[in-house]
Amino acid sequence: MFLRKSSVLKPKRLGLSTVNVIIVNSIVPLFYLFGKIHSEYSSLSIDILKELKSEKNSIVSKFKQFPIKLNTAAKSQSVIHLYNNYCSQKKCLNCDIGIHLLKH
């Protein structure tokens, strides 16, 4: 039947991309919010986004077809924002990129 065997306990480590996602989605927003009280934290949050590599997800992948470099987390966060606030809500005519794409 089923044999019960203990597995070897191995410490688990997070990958670098997972750590970056945690920083981008939790630490940076906290720094930005704290920057409302202490302004140096707002600029620090932006600096962190500029230093981290771009996220790899389905939204960012959709924008890779355009001639823009999405090499930092700041840029990938900007296209995620555009997608969530314009593309997914079909507000192409309210978006400069959408208008440009529709003209060509």
PDB file of N, CA and C in Angstrom:
ATOM      1  N   MET A   1       0.837  -1.174   0.000  1.00  0.00           N
ATOM      2  CA  MET A   1       0.000   0.000   0.000  1.00  0.00           C
ATOM      3  C   MET A   1       0.892   1.251   0.000  1.00  0.00           C
ATOM      4  N   PHE A   2       0.629   2.150   0.927  1.00  0.00           N
ATOM      5  CA  PHE A   2       1.406   3.382   0.984  1.00  0.00           C
ATOM      6  C   PHE A   2       2.471   3.264   2.046  1.00  0.00           C
ATOM      7  N   LEU A   3       3.700   3.494   1.650  1.00  0.00           N
ATOM      8  CA  LEU A   3       4.795   3.500   2.600  1.00  0.00           C
ATOM      9  C   LEU A   3       5.026   4.926   3.053  1.00  0.00           C
ATOM     10  N   ARG A   4       5.191   5.082   4.303  1.00  0.00           N
ATOM     11  CA  ARG A   4       5.451   6.421   4.831  1.00  0.00           C
ATOM     12  C   ARG A   4       6.951   6.583   5.017  1.00  0.00           C
ATOM     13  N   LYS A   5       7.505   7.465   4.207  1.00  0.00           N
ATOM     14  CA  LYS A   5       8.929   7.749   4.293  1.00  0.00           C
ATOM     15  C   LYS A   5       9.093   9.242   4.540  1.00  0.00           C
ATOM     16  N   SER A   6       9.981   9.561   5.382  1.00  0.00           N
ATOM     17  CA  SER A   6      10.294  10.966   5.616  1.00  0.00           C
ATOM     18  C   SER A   6      11.203  11.456   4.506  1.00  0.00           C
ATOM     19  N   SER A   7      10.909  12.629   4.031  1.00  0.00           N
ATOM     20  CA  SER A   7      11.786  13.210   3.018  1.00  0.00           C
ATOM     21  C   SER A   7      12.884  14.008   3.708  1.00  0.00           C
ATOM     22  N   VAL A   8      13.943  14.231   2.968  1.00  0.00           N
ATOM     23  CA  VAL A   8      15.068  14.987   3.499  1.00  0.00           C
ATOM     24  C   VAL A   8      14.661  16.458   3.561  1.00  0.00           C
ATOM     25  N   LEU A   9      14.875  17.056   4.694  1.00  0.00           N
ATOM     26  CA  LEU A   9      14.538  18.461   4.887  1.00  0.00           C
ATOM     27  C   LEU A   9      15.593  19.329   4.206  1.00  0.00           C
ATOM     28  N   LYS A  10      15.162  20.069   3.216  1.00  0.00           N
ATOM     29  CA  LYS A  10      16.060  20.966   2.484  1.00  0.00           C
ATOM     30  C   LYS A  10      15.531  22.384   2.624  1.00  0.00           C
ATOM     31  N   PRO A  11      16.409  23.318   2.927  1.00  0.00           N
ATOM     32  CA  PRO A  11      15.949  24.706   2.994  1.00  0.00           C
ATOM     33  C   PRO A  11      15.533  25.193   1.613  1.00  0.00           C
ATOM     34  N   LYS A  12      14.429  25.899   1.535  1.00  0.00           N
ATOM     35  CA  LYS A  12      13.908  26.423   0.277  1.00  0.00           C
ATOM     36  C   LYS A  12      14.385  27.858   0.100  1.00  0.00           C
ATOM     37  N   ARG A  13      14.686  28.200  -1.138  1.00  0.00           N
ATOM     38  CA  ARG A  13      15.143  29.549  -1.433  1.00  0.00           C
ATOM     39  C   ARG A  13      14.268  30.147  -2.524  1.00  0.00           C
ATOM     40  N   LEU A  14      14.006  31.417  -2.389  1.00  0.00           N
ATOM     41  CA  LEU A  14      13.253  32.134  -3.417  1.00  0.00           C
ATOM     42  C   LEU A  14      14.194  32.506  -4.558  1.00  0.00           C
ATOM     43  N   GLY A  15      13.699  32.440  -5.767  1.00  0.00           N
ATOM     44  CA  GLY A  15      14.479  32.871  -6.918  1.00  0.00           C
ATOM     45  C   GLY A  15      14.533  34.386  -6.994  1.00  0.00           C
ATOM     46  N   LEU A  16      15.494  34.883  -7.740  1.00  0.00           N
ATOM     47  CA  LEU A  16      15.677  36.327  -7.872  1.00  0.00           C
ATOM     48  C   LEU A  16      14.448  37.009  -8.465  1.00  0.00           C
ATOM     49  N   SER A  17      13.819  36.394  -9.457  1.00  0.00           N
ATOM     50  CA  SER A  17      12.635  37.014 -10.061  1.00  0.00           C
ATOM     51  C   SER A  17      11.480  37.089  -9.064  1.00  0.00           C
ATOM     52  N   THR A  18      11.345  36.075  -8.201  1.00  0.00           N
ATOM     53  CA  THR A  18      10.297  36.098  -7.175  1.00  0.00           C
ATOM     54  C   THR A  18      10.566  37.202  -6.162  1.00  0.00           C
ATOM     55  N   VAL A  19      11.819  37.355  -5.778  1.00  0.00           N
ATOM     56  CA  VAL A  19      12.193  38.427  -4.842  1.00  0.00           C
ATOM     57  C   VAL A  19      11.884  39.783  -5.466  1.00  0.00           C
ATOM     58  N   ASN A  20      12.201  39.949  -6.762  1.00  0.00           N
ATOM     59  CA  ASN A  20      11.904  41.217  -7.446  1.00  0.00           C
ATOM     60  C   ASN A  20      10.410  41.509  -7.471  1.00  0.00           C
ATOM     61  N   VAL A  21       9.594  40.496  -7.731  1.00  0.00           N
ATOM     62  CA  VAL A  21       8.138  40.684  -7.756  1.00  0.00           C
ATOM     63  C   VAL A  21       7.634  41.104  -6.373  1.00  0.00           C
ATOM     64  N   ILE A  22       8.169  40.501  -5.331  1.00  0.00           N
ATOM     65  CA  ILE A  22       7.777  40.873  -3.958  1.00  0.00           C
ATOM     66  C   ILE A  22       8.160  42.319  -3.672  1.00  0.00           C
ATOM     67  N   ILE A  23       9.356  42.712  -4.077  1.00  0.00           N
ATOM     68  CA  ILE A  23       9.804  44.096  -3.847  1.00  0.00           C
ATOM     69  C   ILE A  23       8.911  45.074  -4.613  1.00  0.00           C
ATOM     70  N   VAL A  24       8.657  44.774  -5.893  1.00  0.00           N
ATOM     71  CA  VAL A  24       7.865  45.675  -6.741  1.00  0.00           C
ATOM     72  C   VAL A  24       6.438  45.808  -6.232  1.00  0.00           C
ATOM     73  N   ASN A  25       5.849  44.714  -5.772  1.00  0.00           N
ATOM     74  CA  ASN A  25       4.434  44.738  -5.409  1.00  0.00           C
ATOM     75  C   ASN A  25       4.148  44.964  -3.928  1.00  0.00           C
ATOM     76  N   SER A  26       5.177  44.992  -3.094  1.00  0.00           N
ATOM     77  CA  SER A  26       4.911  45.239  -1.675  1.00  0.00           C
ATOM     78  C   SER A  26       5.819  46.319  -1.085  1.00  0.00           C
ATOM     79  N   ILE A  27       7.117  46.199  -1.258  1.00  0.00           N
ATOM     80  CA  ILE A  27       8.051  47.148  -0.647  1.00  0.00           C
ATOM     81  C   ILE A  27       7.943  48.524  -1.308  1.00  0.00           C
ATOM     82  N   VAL A  28       7.976  48.558  -2.632  1.00  0.00           N
ATOM     83  CA  VAL A  28       7.922  49.845  -3.347  1.00  0.00           C
ATOM     84  C   VAL A  28       6.641  50.620  -3.026  1.00  0.00           C
ATOM     85  N   PRO A  29       5.452  49.989  -3.065  1.00  0.00           N
ATOM     86  CA  PRO A  29       4.251  50.754  -2.701  1.00  0.00           C
ATOM     87  C   PRO A  29       4.278  51.273  -1.251  1.00  0.00           C
ATOM     88  N   LEU A  30       4.845  50.498  -0.347  1.00  0.00           N
ATOM     89  CA  LEU A  30       4.958  50.967   1.037  1.00  0.00           C
ATOM     90  C   LEU A  30       5.888  52.172   1.130  1.00  0.00           C
ATOM     91  N   PHE A  31       7.017  52.115   0.432  1.00  0.00           N
ATOM     92  CA  PHE A  31       7.934  53.257   0.425  1.00  0.00           C
ATOM     93  C   PHE A  31       7.249  54.481  -0.169  1.00  0.00           C
ATOM     94  N   TYR A  32       6.503  54.278  -1.250  1.00  0.00           N
ATOM     95  CA  TYR A  32       5.816  55.404  -1.888  1.00  0.00           C
ATOM     96  C   TYR A  32       4.788  56.014  -0.937  1.00  0.00           C
ATOM     97  N   LEU A  33       4.034  55.167  -0.261  1.00  0.00           N
ATOM     98  CA  LEU A  33       3.047  55.651   0.707  1.00  0.00           C
ATOM     99  C   LEU A  33       3.721  56.375   1.860  1.00  0.00           C
ATOM    100  N   PHE A  34       4.800  55.801   2.360  1.00  0.00           N
ATOM    101  CA  PHE A  34       5.552  56.443   3.450  1.00  0.00           C
ATOM    102  C   PHE A  34       6.141  57.764   2.970  1.00  0.00           C
ATOM    103  N   GLY A  35       6.392  57.871   1.663  1.00  0.00           N
ATOM    104  CA  GLY A  35       6.906  59.102   1.086  1.00  0.00           C
ATOM    105  C   GLY A  35       5.930  60.257   1.162  1.00  0.00           C
ATOM    106  N   LYS A  36       4.660  59.980   1.409  1.00  0.00           N
ATOM    107  CA  LYS A  36       3.679  61.054   1.606  1.00  0.00           C
ATOM    108  C   LYS A  36       3.991  61.843   2.875  1.00  0.00           C
ATOM    109  N   ILE A  37       4.677  61.182   3.810  1.00  0.00           N
ATOM    110  CA  ILE A  37       5.069  61.824   5.069  1.00  0.00           C
ATOM    111  C   ILE A  37       6.518  62.313   4.991  1.00  0.00           C
ATOM    112  N   HIS A  38       7.388  61.454   4.466  1.00  0.00           N
ATOM    113  CA  HIS A  38       8.821  61.764   4.331  1.00  0.00           C
ATOM    114  C   HIS A  38       9.174  61.662   2.849  1.00  0.00           C
ATOM    115  N   SER A  39       9.316  62.789   2.193  1.00  0.00           N
ATOM    116  CA  SER A  39       9.433  62.833   0.734  1.00  0.00           C
ATOM    117  C   SER A  39      10.577  62.007   0.154  1.00  0.00           C
ATOM    118  N   GLU A  40      11.645  61.805   0.909  1.00  0.00           N
ATOM    119  CA  GLU A  40      12.779  61.058   0.355  1.00  0.00           C
ATOM    120  C   GLU A  40      12.406  59.612   0.014  1.00  0.00           C
ATOM    121  N   TYR A  41      11.375  59.081   0.664  1.00  0.00           N
ATOM    122  CA  TYR A  41      10.964  57.703   0.382  1.00  0.00           C
ATOM    123  C   TYR A  41      10.222  57.580  -0.943  1.00  0.00           C
ATOM    124  N   SER A  42       9.542  58.636  -1.378  1.00  0.00           N
ATOM    125  CA  SER A  42       8.880  58.605  -2.689  1.00  0.00           C
ATOM    126  C   SER A  42       9.903  58.462  -3.790  1.00  0.00           C
ATOM    127  N   SER A  43      10.942  59.267  -3.736  1.00  0.00           N
ATOM    128  CA  SER A  43      11.974  59.174  -4.776  1.00  0.00           C
ATOM    129  C   SER A  43      12.742  57.864  -4.671  1.00  0.00           C
ATOM    130  N   LEU A  44      12.904  57.340  -3.477  1.00  0.00           N
ATOM    131  CA  LEU A  44      13.572  56.056  -3.298  1.00  0.00           C
ATOM    132  C   LEU A  44      12.760  54.933  -3.951  1.00  0.00           C
ATOM    133  N   SER A  45      11.436  55.002  -3.822  1.00  0.00           N
ATOM    134  CA  SER A  45      10.598  53.974  -4.433  1.00  0.00           C
ATOM    135  C   SER A  45      10.739  53.984  -5.956  1.00  0.00           C
ATOM    136  N   ILE A  46      10.813  55.155  -6.540  1.00  0.00           N
ATOM    137  CA  ILE A  46      10.998  55.268  -7.994  1.00  0.00           C
ATOM    138  C   ILE A  46      12.389  54.775  -8.385  1.00  0.00           C
ATOM    139  N   ASP A  47      13.393  55.130  -7.595  1.00  0.00           N
ATOM    140  CA  ASP A  47      14.761  54.680  -7.877  1.00  0.00           C
ATOM    141  C   ASP A  47      14.870  53.153  -7.839  1.00  0.00           C
ATOM    142  N   ILE A  48      14.176  52.529  -6.906  1.00  0.00           N
ATOM    143  CA  ILE A  48      14.191  51.064  -6.815  1.00  0.00           C
ATOM    144  C   ILE A  48      13.605  50.468  -8.090  1.00  0.00           C
ATOM    145  N   LEU A  49      12.475  51.007  -8.547  1.00  0.00           N
ATOM    146  CA  LEU A  49      11.845  50.501  -9.772  1.00  0.00           C
ATOM    147  C   LEU A  49      12.764  50.662 -10.982  1.00  0.00           C
ATOM    148  N   LYS A  50      13.540  51.730 -11.005  1.00  0.00           N
ATOM    149  CA  LYS A  50      14.452  51.960 -12.124  1.00  0.00           C
ATOM    150  C   LYS A  50      15.640  51.005 -12.100  1.00  0.00           C
ATOM    151  N   GLU A  51      15.971  50.477 -10.929  1.00  0.00           N
ATOM    152  CA  GLU A  51      17.125  49.583 -10.794  1.00  0.00           C
ATOM    153  C   GLU A  51      16.776  48.114 -11.011  1.00  0.00           C
ATOM    154  N   LEU A  52      15.535  47.734 -10.714  1.00  0.00           N
ATOM    155  CA  LEU A  52      15.144  46.326 -10.853  1.00  0.00           C
ATOM    156  C   LEU A  52      14.837  45.988 -12.302  1.00  0.00           C
ATOM    157  N   LYS A  53      15.071  44.729 -12.664  1.00  0.00           N
ATOM    158  CA  LYS A  53      14.756  44.279 -14.022  1.00  0.00           C
ATOM    159  C   LYS A  53      13.248  44.211 -14.226  1.00  0.00           C
ATOM    160  N   SER A  54      12.856  44.283 -15.473  1.00  0.00           N
ATOM    161  CA  SER A  54      11.450  44.203 -15.851  1.00  0.00           C
ATOM    162  C   SER A  54      10.848  42.866 -15.428  1.00  0.00           C
ATOM    163  N   GLU A  55       9.577  42.921 -15.060  1.00  0.00           N
ATOM    164  CA  GLU A  55       8.864  41.690 -14.728  1.00  0.00           C
ATOM    165  C   GLU A  55       8.603  40.901 -16.001  1.00  0.00           C
ATOM    166  N   LYS A  56       8.432  39.618 -15.837  1.00  0.00           N
ATOM    167  CA  LYS A  56       8.083  38.759 -16.969  1.00  0.00           C
ATOM    168  C   LYS A  56       6.704  38.198 -16.703  1.00  0.00           C
ATOM    169  N   ASN A  57       5.711  38.745 -17.404  1.00  0.00           N
ATOM    170  CA  ASN A  57       4.341  38.249 -17.277  1.00  0.00           C
ATOM    171  C   ASN A  57       3.616  38.458 -18.601  1.00  0.00           C
ATOM    172  N   SER A  58       2.385  38.003 -18.658  1.00  0.00           N
ATOM    173  CA  SER A  58       1.646  38.038 -19.924  1.00  0.00           C
ATOM    174  C   SER A  58       1.373  39.461 -20.407  1.00  0.00           C
ATOM    175  N   ILE A  59       1.161  40.384 -19.505  1.00  0.00           N
ATOM    176  CA  ILE A  59       0.887  41.769 -19.915  1.00  0.00           C
ATOM    177  C   ILE A  59       2.134  42.393 -20.522  1.00  0.00           C
ATOM    178  N   VAL A  60       3.250  42.248 -19.859  1.00  0.00           N
ATOM    179  CA  VAL A  60       4.504  42.811 -20.370  1.00  0.00           C
ATOM    180  C   VAL A  60       4.856  42.172 -21.712  1.00  0.00           C
ATOM    181  N   SER A  61       4.610  40.885 -21.839  1.00  0.00           N
ATOM    182  CA  SER A  61       4.891  40.183 -23.100  1.00  0.00           C
ATOM    183  C   SER A  61       4.101  40.772 -24.264  1.00  0.00           C
ATOM    184  N   LYS A  62       2.867  41.192 -24.012  1.00  0.00           N
ATOM    185  CA  LYS A  62       2.045  41.785 -25.071  1.00  0.00           C
ATOM    186  C   LYS A  62       2.654  43.076 -25.602  1.00  0.00           C
ATOM    187  N   PHE A  63       3.321  43.819 -24.742  1.00  0.00           N
ATOM    188  CA  PHE A  63       3.906  45.104 -25.141  1.00  0.00           C
ATOM    189  C   PHE A  63       5.287  44.945 -25.771  1.00  0.00           C
ATOM    190  N   LYS A  64       5.868  43.765 -25.696  1.00  0.00           N
ATOM    191  CA  LYS A  64       7.203  43.531 -26.273  1.00  0.00           C
ATOM    192  C   LYS A  64       7.186  43.635 -27.794  1.00  0.00           C
ATOM    193  N   GLN A  65       6.018  43.526 -28.415  1.00  0.00           N
ATOM    194  CA  GLN A  65       5.928  43.622 -29.868  1.00  0.00           C
ATOM    195  C   GLN A  65       6.129  45.054 -30.366  1.00  0.00           C
ATOM    196  N   PHE A  66       6.021  46.026 -29.471  1.00  0.00           N
ATOM    197  CA  PHE A  66       6.187  47.424 -29.840  1.00  0.00           C
ATOM    198  C   PHE A  66       7.651  47.835 -29.674  1.00  0.00           C
ATOM    199  N   PRO A  67       8.078  48.830 -30.401  1.00  0.00           N
ATOM    200  CA  PRO A  67       9.492  49.234 -30.336  1.00  0.00           C
ATOM    201  C   PRO A  67       9.822  50.069 -29.090  1.00  0.00           C
ATOM    202  N   ILE A  68       9.555  49.522 -27.928  1.00  0.00           N
ATOM    203  CA  ILE A  68       9.918  50.181 -26.674  1.00  0.00           C
ATOM    204  C   ILE A  68      10.718  49.200 -25.829  1.00  0.00           C
ATOM    205  N   LYS A  69      11.697  49.724 -25.110  1.00  0.00           N
ATOM    206  CA  LYS A  69      12.526  48.874 -24.261  1.00  0.00           C
ATOM    207  C   LYS A  69      11.877  48.769 -22.886  1.00  0.00           C
ATOM    208  N   LEU A  70      11.531  47.565 -22.521  1.00  0.00           N
ATOM    209  CA  LEU A  70      10.930  47.315 -21.207  1.00  0.00           C
ATOM    210  C   LEU A  70      11.958  46.598 -20.343  1.00  0.00           C
ATOM    211  N   ASN A  71      13.057  47.290 -20.060  1.00  0.00           N
ATOM    212  CA  ASN A  71      14.156  46.641 -19.365  1.00  0.00           C
ATOM    213  C   ASN A  71      14.209  46.920 -17.864  1.00  0.00           C
ATOM    214  N   THR A  72      13.319  47.756 -17.356  1.00  0.00           N
ATOM    215  CA  THR A  72      13.295  48.030 -15.914  1.00  0.00           C
ATOM    216  C   THR A  72      11.891  47.794 -15.360  1.00  0.00           C
ATOM    217  N   ALA A  73      11.831  47.607 -14.059  1.00  0.00           N
ATOM    218  CA  ALA A  73      10.530  47.418 -13.402  1.00  0.00           C
ATOM    219  C   ALA A  73       9.675  48.676 -13.527  1.00  0.00           C
ATOM    220  N   ALA A  74      10.304  49.836 -13.586  1.00  0.00           N
ATOM    221  CA  ALA A  74       9.542  51.082 -13.754  1.00  0.00           C
ATOM    222  C   ALA A  74       8.775  51.059 -15.077  1.00  0.00           C
ATOM    223  N   LYS A  75       9.436  50.601 -16.136  1.00  0.00           N
ATOM    224  CA  LYS A  75       8.786  50.551 -17.445  1.00  0.00           C
ATOM    225  C   LYS A  75       7.735  49.443 -17.504  1.00  0.00           C
ATOM    226  N   SER A  76       8.035  48.295 -16.917  1.00  0.00           N
ATOM    227  CA  SER A  76       7.042  47.218 -16.950  1.00  0.00           C
ATOM    228  C   SER A  76       5.818  47.584 -16.112  1.00  0.00           C
ATOM    229  N   GLN A  77       6.024  48.280 -14.997  1.00  0.00           N
ATOM    230  CA  GLN A  77       4.888  48.720 -14.193  1.00  0.00           C
ATOM    231  C   GLN A  77       4.053  49.745 -14.948  1.00  0.00           C
ATOM    232  N   SER A  78       4.710  50.568 -15.765  1.00  0.00           N
ATOM    233  CA  SER A  78       3.943  51.568 -16.522  1.00  0.00           C
ATOM    234  C   SER A  78       3.056  50.911 -17.575  1.00  0.00           C
ATOM    235  N   VAL A  79       3.562  49.872 -18.262  1.00  0.00           N
ATOM    236  CA  VAL A  79       2.710  49.223 -19.265  1.00  0.00           C
ATOM    237  C   VAL A  79       1.621  48.383 -18.606  1.00  0.00           C
ATOM    238  N   ILE A  80       1.893  47.842 -17.427  1.00  0.00           N
ATOM    239  CA  ILE A  80       0.841  47.127 -16.682  1.00  0.00           C
ATOM    240  C   ILE A  80      -0.273  48.109 -16.310  1.00  0.00           C
ATOM    241  N   HIS A  81       0.105  49.293 -15.887  1.00  0.00           N
ATOM    242  CA  HIS A  81      -0.874  50.333 -15.559  1.00  0.00           C
ATOM    243  C   HIS A  81      -1.690  50.712 -16.797  1.00  0.00           C
ATOM    244  N   LEU A  82      -1.011  50.929 -17.924  1.00  0.00           N
ATOM    245  CA  LEU A  82      -1.723  51.262 -19.165  1.00  0.00           C
ATOM    246  C   LEU A  82      -2.693  50.151 -19.547  1.00  0.00           C
ATOM    247  N   TYR A  83      -2.228  48.920 -19.484  1.00  0.00           N
ATOM    248  CA  TYR A  83      -3.080  47.792 -19.862  1.00  0.00           C
ATOM    249  C   TYR A  83      -4.326  47.727 -18.961  1.00  0.00           C
ATOM    250  N   ASN A  84      -4.116  47.818 -17.658  1.00  0.00           N
ATOM    251  CA  ASN A  84      -5.243  47.696 -16.718  1.00  0.00           C
ATOM    252  C   ASN A  84      -6.220  48.851 -16.808  1.00  0.00           C
ATOM    253  N   ASN A  85      -5.735  50.045 -17.121  1.00  0.00           N
ATOM    254  CA  ASN A  85      -6.601  51.223 -17.124  1.00  0.00           C
ATOM    255  C   ASN A  85      -7.125  51.628 -18.497  1.00  0.00           C
ATOM    256  N   TYR A  86      -6.524  51.115 -19.551  1.00  0.00           N
ATOM    257  CA  TYR A  86      -6.980  51.462 -20.897  1.00  0.00           C
ATOM    258  C   TYR A  86      -7.329  50.226 -21.724  1.00  0.00           C
ATOM    259  N   CYS A  87      -6.349  49.364 -21.955  1.00  0.00           N
ATOM    260  CA  CYS A  87      -6.554  48.213 -22.854  1.00  0.00           C
ATOM    261  C   CYS A  87      -7.682  47.306 -22.371  1.00  0.00           C
ATOM    262  N   SER A  88      -7.606  46.889 -21.126  1.00  0.00           N
ATOM    263  CA  SER A  88      -8.598  45.926 -20.637  1.00  0.00           C
ATOM    264  C   SER A  88      -9.989  46.540 -20.511  1.00  0.00           C
ATOM    265  N   GLN A  89     -10.057  47.864 -20.441  1.00  0.00           N
ATOM    266  CA  GLN A  89     -11.351  48.537 -20.355  1.00  0.00           C
ATOM    267  C   GLN A  89     -11.790  49.101 -21.705  1.00  0.00           C
ATOM    268  N   LYS A  90     -11.038  48.756 -22.746  1.00  0.00           N
ATOM    269  CA  LYS A  90     -11.344  49.185 -24.121  1.00  0.00           C
ATOM    270  C   LYS A  90     -11.494  50.708 -24.229  1.00  0.00           C
ATOM    271  N   LYS A  91     -10.564  51.418 -23.619  1.00  0.00           N
ATOM    272  CA  LYS A  91     -10.548  52.875 -23.676  1.00  0.00           C
ATOM    273  C   LYS A  91      -9.428  53.355 -24.599  1.00  0.00           C
ATOM    274  N   CYS A  92      -9.322  52.712 -25.743  1.00  0.00           N
ATOM    275  CA  CYS A  92      -8.251  53.004 -26.702  1.00  0.00           C
ATOM    276  C   CYS A  92      -8.233  54.475 -27.126  1.00  0.00           C
ATOM    277  N   LEU A  93      -9.404  55.060 -27.276  1.00  0.00           N
ATOM    278  CA  LEU A  93      -9.476  56.448 -27.735  1.00  0.00           C
ATOM    279  C   LEU A  93      -9.090  57.453 -26.652  1.00  0.00           C
ATOM    280  N   ASN A  94      -8.909  56.997 -25.435  1.00  0.00           N
ATOM    281  CA  ASN A  94      -8.452  57.859 -24.341  1.00  0.00           C
ATOM    282  C   ASN A  94      -6.958  57.687 -24.085  1.00  0.00           C
ATOM    283  N   CYS A  95      -6.310  56.868 -24.886  1.00  0.00           N
ATOM    284  CA  CYS A  95      -4.899  56.528 -24.684  1.00  0.00           C
ATOM    285  C   CYS A  95      -4.099  56.944 -25.914  1.00  0.00           C
ATOM    286  N   ASP A  96      -3.005  57.659 -25.716  1.00  0.00           N
ATOM    287  CA  ASP A  96      -2.182  58.110 -26.845  1.00  0.00           C
ATOM    288  C   ASP A  96      -1.642  56.931 -27.659  1.00  0.00           C
ATOM    289  N   ILE A  97      -1.273  55.858 -26.987  1.00  0.00           N
ATOM    290  CA  ILE A  97      -0.774  54.679 -27.703  1.00  0.00           C
ATOM    291  C   ILE A  97      -1.907  54.045 -28.513  1.00  0.00           C
ATOM    292  N   GLY A  98      -3.082  53.939 -27.913  1.00  0.00           N
ATOM    293  CA  GLY A  98      -4.233  53.376 -28.611  1.00  0.00           C
ATOM    294  C   GLY A  98      -4.607  54.167 -29.837  1.00  0.00           C
ATOM    295  N   ILE A  99      -4.589  55.485 -29.712  1.00  0.00           N
ATOM    296  CA  ILE A  99      -4.901  56.361 -30.845  1.00  0.00           C
ATOM    297  C   ILE A  99      -3.854  56.180 -31.946  1.00  0.00           C
ATOM    298  N   HIS A 100      -2.598  56.122 -31.569  1.00  0.00           N
ATOM    299  CA  HIS A 100      -1.532  55.926 -32.548  1.00  0.00           C
ATOM    300  C   HIS A 100      -1.694  54.601 -33.295  1.00  0.00           C
ATOM    301  N   LEU A 101      -2.001  53.546 -32.551  1.00  0.00           N
ATOM    302  CA  LEU A 101      -2.166  52.224 -33.167  1.00  0.00           C
ATOM    303  C   LEU A 101      -3.375  52.186 -34.100  1.00  0.00           C
ATOM    304  N   LEU A 102      -4.447  52.859 -33.730  1.00  0.00           N
ATOM    305  CA  LEU A 102      -5.647  52.858 -34.568  1.00  0.00           C
ATOM    306  C   LEU A 102      -5.443  53.667 -35.847  1.00  0.00           C
ATOM    307  N   LYS A 103      -4.595  54.683 -35.794  1.00  0.00           N
ATOM    308  CA  LYS A 103      -4.324  55.489 -36.984  1.00  0.00           C
ATOM    309  C   LYS A 103      -3.471  54.725 -37.988  1.00  0.00           C
ATOM    310  N   HIS A 104      -2.634  53.824 -37.501  1.00  0.00           N
ATOM    311  CA  HIS A 104      -1.710  53.109 -38.401  1.00  0.00           C
ATOM    312  C   HIS A 104      -2.224  51.728 -38.559  1.00  0.00           C
TER     313      HIS A 104
END
